[in-house]
Amino acid sequence: MKFRRSQQEPLSLNLTPLIDVVFLLLIFFMVSTTFDRPTELKMQLPEAQHGSVQSEGHVLSIEVLPNGLIHLNGEQADDLAAELDRYLDDNPEPDYIRVLADEQALHRDVSHVLDTLAGADLTDIRFQTLAKP
């Protein structure tokens, strides 16, 4: 009597359940993770150690206040880009722009001012510092 050898199937590792578990873990960590975004940055204004007073010339002064208000040469500017365009149409280009940011002013507001100035191709920007008493 002749017996036929049964063909053995090659062993294979089924990875489907492993992939399912990995995806479930990935989804769990994505859902349960919280991302913390800083809303404001604390910054100290620099203090000048020494220096000389520069001649004024034609200077455009922009003040950034802690409550988010922006003043252009002492007058409140609700829409900084429009006010800046109006100022540049009426006046010659300033020698430089002086930015005075209050210590409590939000970095977002200062960044908005810098972006607006860059959009108007004004590049000579100087931050005013506090004189050391």
N, C-alpha and C. Protein backbone atom coordinates (compact mmCIF):
# COMPACT_ATOMS: atom_id res chain seq x y z
N MET A 1 0.83 -1.15 0.00
CA MET A 1 0.00 0.00 0.00
C MET A 1 0.90 1.25 0.00
N LYS A 2 0.56 2.11 -0.86
CA LYS A 2 1.35 3.31 -1.02
C LYS A 2 0.59 4.50 -0.42
N PHE A 3 1.25 5.16 0.51
CA PHE A 3 0.63 6.35 1.12
C PHE A 3 1.14 7.61 0.43
N ARG A 4 0.24 8.48 0.21
CA ARG A 4 0.64 9.76 -0.40
C ARG A 4 1.04 10.74 0.69
N ARG A 5 2.10 11.33 0.42
CA ARG A 5 2.53 12.35 1.38
C ARG A 5 1.63 13.56 1.26
N SER A 6 1.21 14.04 2.39
CA SER A 6 0.38 15.26 2.35
C SER A 6 1.30 16.46 2.16
N GLN A 7 0.84 17.33 1.33
CA GLN A 7 1.66 18.52 1.08
C GLN A 7 1.52 19.47 2.27
N GLN A 8 2.63 19.87 2.76
CA GLN A 8 2.60 20.81 3.88
C GLN A 8 2.62 22.23 3.33
N GLU A 9 1.71 23.02 3.86
CA GLU A 9 1.69 24.42 3.45
C GLU A 9 2.81 25.15 4.18
N PRO A 10 3.45 26.03 3.48
CA PRO A 10 4.52 26.77 4.17
C PRO A 10 3.94 27.62 5.29
N LEU A 11 4.69 27.69 6.35
CA LEU A 11 4.23 28.49 7.49
C LEU A 11 4.30 29.97 7.14
N SER A 12 3.26 30.68 7.51
CA SER A 12 3.25 32.12 7.27
C SER A 12 2.72 32.82 8.52
N LEU A 13 3.22 33.96 8.72
CA LEU A 13 2.82 34.74 9.88
C LEU A 13 1.77 35.76 9.44
N ASN A 14 0.62 35.70 10.03
CA ASN A 14 -0.47 36.60 9.67
C ASN A 14 -0.30 37.91 10.44
N LEU A 15 0.02 38.98 9.73
CA LEU A 15 0.28 40.27 10.37
C LEU A 15 -0.95 41.17 10.48
N THR A 16 -2.05 40.74 9.97
CA THR A 16 -3.25 41.58 9.99
C THR A 16 -3.67 41.99 11.40
N PRO A 17 -3.74 41.09 12.37
CA PRO A 17 -4.12 41.53 13.72
C PRO A 17 -3.09 42.49 14.34
N LEU A 18 -1.81 42.29 14.03
CA LEU A 18 -0.78 43.17 14.56
C LEU A 18 -0.94 44.58 14.00
N ILE A 19 -1.20 44.69 12.72
CA ILE A 19 -1.40 46.00 12.09
C ILE A 19 -2.63 46.68 12.68
N ASP A 20 -3.70 45.91 12.93
CA ASP A 20 -4.90 46.48 13.53
C ASP A 20 -4.60 47.06 14.91
N VAL A 21 -3.85 46.33 15.70
CA VAL A 21 -3.51 46.81 17.05
C VAL A 21 -2.65 48.06 16.98
N VAL A 22 -1.69 48.10 16.08
CA VAL A 22 -0.83 49.27 15.94
C VAL A 22 -1.65 50.49 15.53
N PHE A 23 -2.56 50.33 14.59
CA PHE A 23 -3.41 51.45 14.18
C PHE A 23 -4.32 51.91 15.32
N LEU A 24 -4.84 50.99 16.10
CA LEU A 24 -5.67 51.37 17.25
C LEU A 24 -4.86 52.16 18.27
N LEU A 25 -3.63 51.73 18.52
CA LEU A 25 -2.77 52.47 19.44
C LEU A 25 -2.45 53.86 18.89
N LEU A 26 -2.17 53.94 17.61
CA LEU A 26 -1.89 55.23 16.99
C LEU A 26 -3.08 56.17 17.11
N ILE A 27 -4.27 55.68 16.82
CA ILE A 27 -5.48 56.50 16.94
C ILE A 27 -5.70 56.91 18.39
N PHE A 28 -5.50 56.00 19.32
CA PHE A 28 -5.67 56.32 20.74
C PHE A 28 -4.74 57.46 21.16
N PHE A 29 -3.47 57.38 20.79
CA PHE A 29 -2.52 58.43 21.19
C PHE A 29 -2.81 59.75 20.49
N MET A 30 -3.26 59.69 19.25
CA MET A 30 -3.59 60.93 18.55
C MET A 30 -4.78 61.63 19.19
N VAL A 31 -5.77 60.86 19.61
CA VAL A 31 -6.97 61.45 20.21
C VAL A 31 -6.71 61.91 21.63
N SER A 32 -5.92 61.18 22.38
CA SER A 32 -5.74 61.51 23.79
C SER A 32 -4.65 62.55 24.05
N THR A 33 -3.86 62.89 23.05
CA THR A 33 -2.79 63.87 23.23
C THR A 33 -3.35 65.28 23.15
N THR A 34 -2.89 66.13 24.03
CA THR A 34 -3.27 67.55 23.97
C THR A 34 -2.03 68.35 23.61
N PHE A 35 -2.23 69.32 22.73
CA PHE A 35 -1.13 70.16 22.30
C PHE A 35 -1.28 71.51 22.97
N ASP A 36 -0.23 71.98 23.56
CA ASP A 36 -0.24 73.26 24.26
C ASP A 36 0.43 74.29 23.37
N ARG A 37 -0.31 75.32 22.99
CA ARG A 37 0.25 76.37 22.17
C ARG A 37 0.42 77.62 23.03
N PRO A 38 1.60 78.18 23.03
CA PRO A 38 1.75 79.43 23.79
C PRO A 38 0.99 80.55 23.09
N THR A 39 0.23 81.31 23.86
CA THR A 39 -0.56 82.39 23.26
C THR A 39 0.16 83.72 23.34
N GLU A 40 1.09 83.84 24.24
CA GLU A 40 1.86 85.07 24.31
C GLU A 40 3.25 84.77 24.84
N LEU A 41 4.17 85.60 24.50
CA LEU A 41 5.54 85.44 24.96
C LEU A 41 5.87 86.57 25.92
N LYS A 42 6.50 86.24 27.01
CA LYS A 42 6.95 87.27 27.95
C LYS A 42 8.30 87.77 27.47
N MET A 43 8.43 89.08 27.37
CA MET A 43 9.73 89.60 26.96
C MET A 43 10.02 90.87 27.74
N GLN A 44 11.26 91.03 28.06
CA GLN A 44 11.74 92.23 28.73
C GLN A 44 12.33 93.14 27.68
N LEU A 45 12.01 94.40 27.77
CA LEU A 45 12.61 95.34 26.84
C LEU A 45 14.09 95.50 27.16
N PRO A 46 14.92 95.59 26.15
CA PRO A 46 16.35 95.77 26.41
C PRO A 46 16.64 97.14 26.98
N GLU A 47 17.65 97.21 27.80
CA GLU A 47 18.08 98.48 28.36
C GLU A 47 19.43 98.84 27.75
N ALA A 48 19.56 100.08 27.36
CA ALA A 48 20.81 100.53 26.75
C ALA A 48 21.86 100.73 27.83
N GLN A 49 23.03 100.16 27.64
CA GLN A 49 24.13 100.34 28.57
C GLN A 49 24.82 101.68 28.32
N HIS A 50 25.00 102.00 27.08
CA HIS A 50 25.59 103.27 26.70
C HIS A 50 25.16 103.55 25.27
N GLY A 51 25.40 104.70 24.82
CA GLY A 51 25.03 105.03 23.45
C GLY A 51 24.88 106.53 23.32
N SER A 52 24.66 106.94 22.11
CA SER A 52 24.50 108.37 21.87
C SER A 52 23.12 108.62 21.28
N VAL A 53 22.67 109.82 21.45
CA VAL A 53 21.39 110.21 20.88
C VAL A 53 21.59 110.46 19.40
N GLN A 54 20.76 109.83 18.59
CA GLN A 54 20.89 109.98 17.16
C GLN A 54 20.08 111.18 16.70
N SER A 55 20.55 111.78 15.63
CA SER A 55 19.78 112.89 15.08
C SER A 55 18.48 112.33 14.52
N GLU A 56 17.42 113.06 14.73
CA GLU A 56 16.10 112.56 14.39
C GLU A 56 15.88 112.44 12.89
N GLY A 57 16.04 113.52 12.14
CA GLY A 57 15.72 113.46 10.73
C GLY A 57 14.22 113.24 10.56
N HIS A 58 13.85 112.53 9.52
CA HIS A 58 12.43 112.22 9.28
C HIS A 58 12.17 110.80 9.79
N VAL A 59 11.49 110.69 10.92
CA VAL A 59 11.29 109.41 11.58
C VAL A 59 9.80 109.10 11.65
N LEU A 60 9.45 107.88 11.34
CA LEU A 60 8.08 107.39 11.51
C LEU A 60 8.05 106.61 12.82
N SER A 61 7.19 107.02 13.73
CA SER A 61 7.13 106.40 15.05
C SER A 61 5.87 105.54 15.16
N ILE A 62 6.05 104.29 15.54
CA ILE A 62 4.92 103.37 15.73
C ILE A 62 4.99 102.83 17.16
N GLU A 63 3.89 103.01 17.89
CA GLU A 63 3.82 102.53 19.28
C GLU A 63 2.85 101.35 19.34
N VAL A 64 3.28 100.30 20.04
CA VAL A 64 2.42 99.13 20.26
C VAL A 64 2.09 99.11 21.75
N LEU A 65 0.81 99.25 22.07
CA LEU A 65 0.36 99.33 23.45
C LEU A 65 -0.08 97.96 23.96
N PRO A 66 -0.12 97.79 25.28
CA PRO A 66 -0.47 96.48 25.84
C PRO A 66 -1.89 96.02 25.51
N ASN A 67 -2.80 96.95 25.29
CA ASN A 67 -4.18 96.56 25.01
C ASN A 67 -4.41 96.26 23.52
N GLY A 68 -3.34 96.20 22.74
CA GLY A 68 -3.45 95.85 21.33
C GLY A 68 -3.59 97.04 20.40
N LEU A 69 -3.69 98.24 20.96
CA LEU A 69 -3.80 99.44 20.13
C LEU A 69 -2.44 99.79 19.54
N ILE A 70 -2.48 100.33 18.33
CA ILE A 70 -1.26 100.74 17.64
C ILE A 70 -1.40 102.21 17.28
N HIS A 71 -0.38 102.99 17.61
CA HIS A 71 -0.38 104.41 17.29
C HIS A 71 0.68 104.68 16.23
N LEU A 72 0.30 105.46 15.23
CA LEU A 72 1.20 105.85 14.15
C LEU A 72 1.46 107.34 14.32
N ASN A 73 2.68 107.70 14.70
CA ASN A 73 3.05 109.10 14.99
C ASN A 73 2.09 109.74 15.98
N GLY A 74 1.74 109.00 17.03
CA GLY A 74 0.91 109.55 18.10
C GLY A 74 -0.58 109.45 17.88
N GLU A 75 -1.02 109.04 16.71
CA GLU A 75 -2.45 108.92 16.42
C GLU A 75 -2.82 107.46 16.28
N GLN A 76 -3.98 107.09 16.85
CA GLN A 76 -4.41 105.70 16.82
C GLN A 76 -4.66 105.25 15.39
N ALA A 77 -4.14 104.06 15.06
CA ALA A 77 -4.30 103.49 13.72
C ALA A 77 -5.09 102.19 13.85
N ASP A 78 -6.37 102.24 13.44
CA ASP A 78 -7.21 101.04 13.52
C ASP A 78 -6.80 100.03 12.46
N ASP A 79 -6.57 100.50 11.24
CA ASP A 79 -6.09 99.64 10.15
C ASP A 79 -4.69 100.12 9.79
N LEU A 80 -3.69 99.45 10.34
CA LEU A 80 -2.31 99.92 10.19
C LEU A 80 -1.87 99.99 8.74
N ALA A 81 -2.22 99.00 7.94
CA ALA A 81 -1.78 98.99 6.54
C ALA A 81 -2.35 100.18 5.78
N ALA A 82 -3.63 100.47 5.97
CA ALA A 82 -4.26 101.59 5.27
C ALA A 82 -3.69 102.92 5.76
N GLU A 83 -3.52 103.04 7.07
CA GLU A 83 -2.97 104.28 7.64
C GLU A 83 -1.53 104.49 7.16
N LEU A 84 -0.77 103.41 7.08
CA LEU A 84 0.62 103.51 6.63
C LEU A 84 0.69 103.92 5.16
N ASP A 85 -0.18 103.34 4.33
CA ASP A 85 -0.22 103.74 2.92
C ASP A 85 -0.59 105.21 2.78
N ARG A 86 -1.57 105.66 3.56
CA ARG A 86 -1.98 107.05 3.51
C ARG A 86 -0.84 107.97 3.96
N TYR A 87 -0.12 107.54 4.99
CA TYR A 87 1.01 108.34 5.49
C TYR A 87 2.10 108.44 4.43
N LEU A 88 2.43 107.30 3.78
CA LEU A 88 3.50 107.30 2.78
C LEU A 88 3.11 108.06 1.52
N ASP A 89 1.81 108.13 1.21
CA ASP A 89 1.36 108.92 0.06
C ASP A 89 1.53 110.41 0.33
N ASP A 90 1.27 110.83 1.58
CA ASP A 90 1.31 112.25 1.93
C ASP A 90 2.71 112.74 2.30
N ASN A 91 3.59 111.85 2.72
CA ASN A 91 4.92 112.24 3.23
C ASN A 91 6.01 111.50 2.47
N PRO A 92 7.22 112.05 2.49
CA PRO A 92 8.34 111.31 1.87
C PRO A 92 8.67 110.08 2.72
N GLU A 93 9.40 109.17 2.11
CA GLU A 93 9.77 107.96 2.84
C GLU A 93 10.65 108.35 4.03
N PRO A 94 10.36 107.81 5.21
CA PRO A 94 11.13 108.19 6.40
C PRO A 94 12.56 107.66 6.35
N ASP A 95 13.45 108.34 7.12
CA ASP A 95 14.83 107.87 7.22
C ASP A 95 14.87 106.49 7.88
N TYR A 96 14.07 106.33 8.91
CA TYR A 96 13.92 105.03 9.57
C TYR A 96 12.60 105.00 10.33
N ILE A 97 12.21 103.81 10.74
CA ILE A 97 10.98 103.62 11.50
C ILE A 97 11.37 103.23 12.91
N ARG A 98 10.81 103.95 13.87
CA ARG A 98 11.08 103.66 15.28
C ARG A 98 9.86 102.93 15.84
N VAL A 99 10.08 101.72 16.35
CA VAL A 99 9.01 100.93 16.95
C VAL A 99 9.19 100.96 18.46
N LEU A 100 8.16 101.43 19.14
CA LEU A 100 8.17 101.46 20.60
C LEU A 100 7.13 100.46 21.08
N ALA A 101 7.57 99.34 21.59
CA ALA A 101 6.64 98.30 22.06
C ALA A 101 6.67 98.28 23.58
N ASP A 102 5.50 98.39 24.17
CA ASP A 102 5.39 98.34 25.62
C ASP A 102 5.83 96.97 26.13
N GLU A 103 6.31 96.94 27.36
CA GLU A 103 6.77 95.68 27.93
C GLU A 103 5.64 94.66 28.01
N GLN A 104 4.41 95.12 28.19
CA GLN A 104 3.26 94.22 28.31
C GLN A 104 2.58 93.95 26.96
N ALA A 105 3.09 94.53 25.88
CA ALA A 105 2.47 94.33 24.56
C ALA A 105 2.67 92.88 24.11
N LEU A 106 1.67 92.36 23.43
CA LEU A 106 1.75 90.98 22.94
C LEU A 106 2.69 90.89 21.74
N HIS A 107 3.41 89.80 21.68
CA HIS A 107 4.33 89.57 20.56
C HIS A 107 3.57 89.52 19.24
N ARG A 108 2.34 89.02 19.28
CA ARG A 108 1.50 88.95 18.08
C ARG A 108 1.29 90.33 17.47
N ASP A 109 1.07 91.34 18.34
CA ASP A 109 0.84 92.70 17.84
C ASP A 109 2.12 93.28 17.22
N VAL A 110 3.25 93.03 17.86
CA VAL A 110 4.53 93.52 17.32
C VAL A 110 4.83 92.83 15.99
N SER A 111 4.55 91.53 15.90
CA SER A 111 4.77 90.80 14.65
C SER A 111 3.87 91.34 13.54
N HIS A 112 2.65 91.71 13.89
CA HIS A 112 1.73 92.29 12.91
C HIS A 112 2.30 93.60 12.37
N VAL A 113 2.86 94.43 13.25
CA VAL A 113 3.47 95.70 12.83
C VAL A 113 4.64 95.43 11.89
N LEU A 114 5.50 94.49 12.26
CA LEU A 114 6.67 94.18 11.43
C LEU A 114 6.27 93.61 10.07
N ASP A 115 5.24 92.76 10.05
CA ASP A 115 4.76 92.21 8.77
C ASP A 115 4.19 93.31 7.89
N THR A 116 3.46 94.25 8.49
CA THR A 116 2.89 95.35 7.72
C THR A 116 3.99 96.24 7.16
N LEU A 117 5.02 96.52 7.95
CA LEU A 117 6.14 97.33 7.46
C LEU A 117 6.89 96.61 6.34
N ALA A 118 7.06 95.31 6.48
CA ALA A 118 7.74 94.54 5.42
C ALA A 118 6.91 94.54 4.14
N GLY A 119 5.59 94.50 4.28
CA GLY A 119 4.72 94.54 3.12
C GLY A 119 4.78 95.87 2.39
N ALA A 120 5.14 96.93 3.11
CA ALA A 120 5.27 98.25 2.50
C ALA A 120 6.71 98.53 2.05
N ASP A 121 7.57 97.53 2.09
CA ASP A 121 8.99 97.64 1.69
C ASP A 121 9.75 98.66 2.53
N LEU A 122 9.41 98.75 3.81
CA LEU A 122 10.16 99.60 4.74
C LEU A 122 11.04 98.67 5.57
N THR A 123 12.36 98.84 5.42
CA THR A 123 13.27 97.88 6.03
C THR A 123 14.13 98.43 7.14
N ASP A 124 14.30 99.75 7.21
CA ASP A 124 15.14 100.31 8.27
C ASP A 124 14.28 100.53 9.51
N ILE A 125 14.20 99.48 10.33
CA ILE A 125 13.33 99.48 11.51
C ILE A 125 14.22 99.42 12.73
N ARG A 126 13.94 100.28 13.70
CA ARG A 126 14.73 100.31 14.93
C ARG A 126 13.78 100.23 16.12
N PHE A 127 14.15 99.40 17.08
CA PHE A 127 13.37 99.30 18.31
C PHE A 127 13.98 100.25 19.33
N GLN A 128 13.12 101.03 19.95
CA GLN A 128 13.62 101.94 20.97
C GLN A 128 13.74 101.18 22.28
N THR A 129 14.81 101.44 22.99
CA THR A 129 15.05 100.79 24.27
C THR A 129 14.85 101.79 25.39
N LEU A 130 14.78 101.27 26.60
CA LEU A 130 14.67 102.12 27.77
C LEU A 130 16.07 102.53 28.21
N ALA A 131 16.22 103.78 28.56
CA ALA A 131 17.52 104.25 29.06
C ALA A 131 17.72 103.73 30.47
N LYS A 132 18.91 103.29 30.78
CA LYS A 132 19.21 102.79 32.11
C LYS A 132 19.31 103.97 33.06
N PRO A 133 18.56 103.95 34.17
CA PRO A 133 18.60 105.10 35.10
C PRO A 133 19.91 105.21 35.85
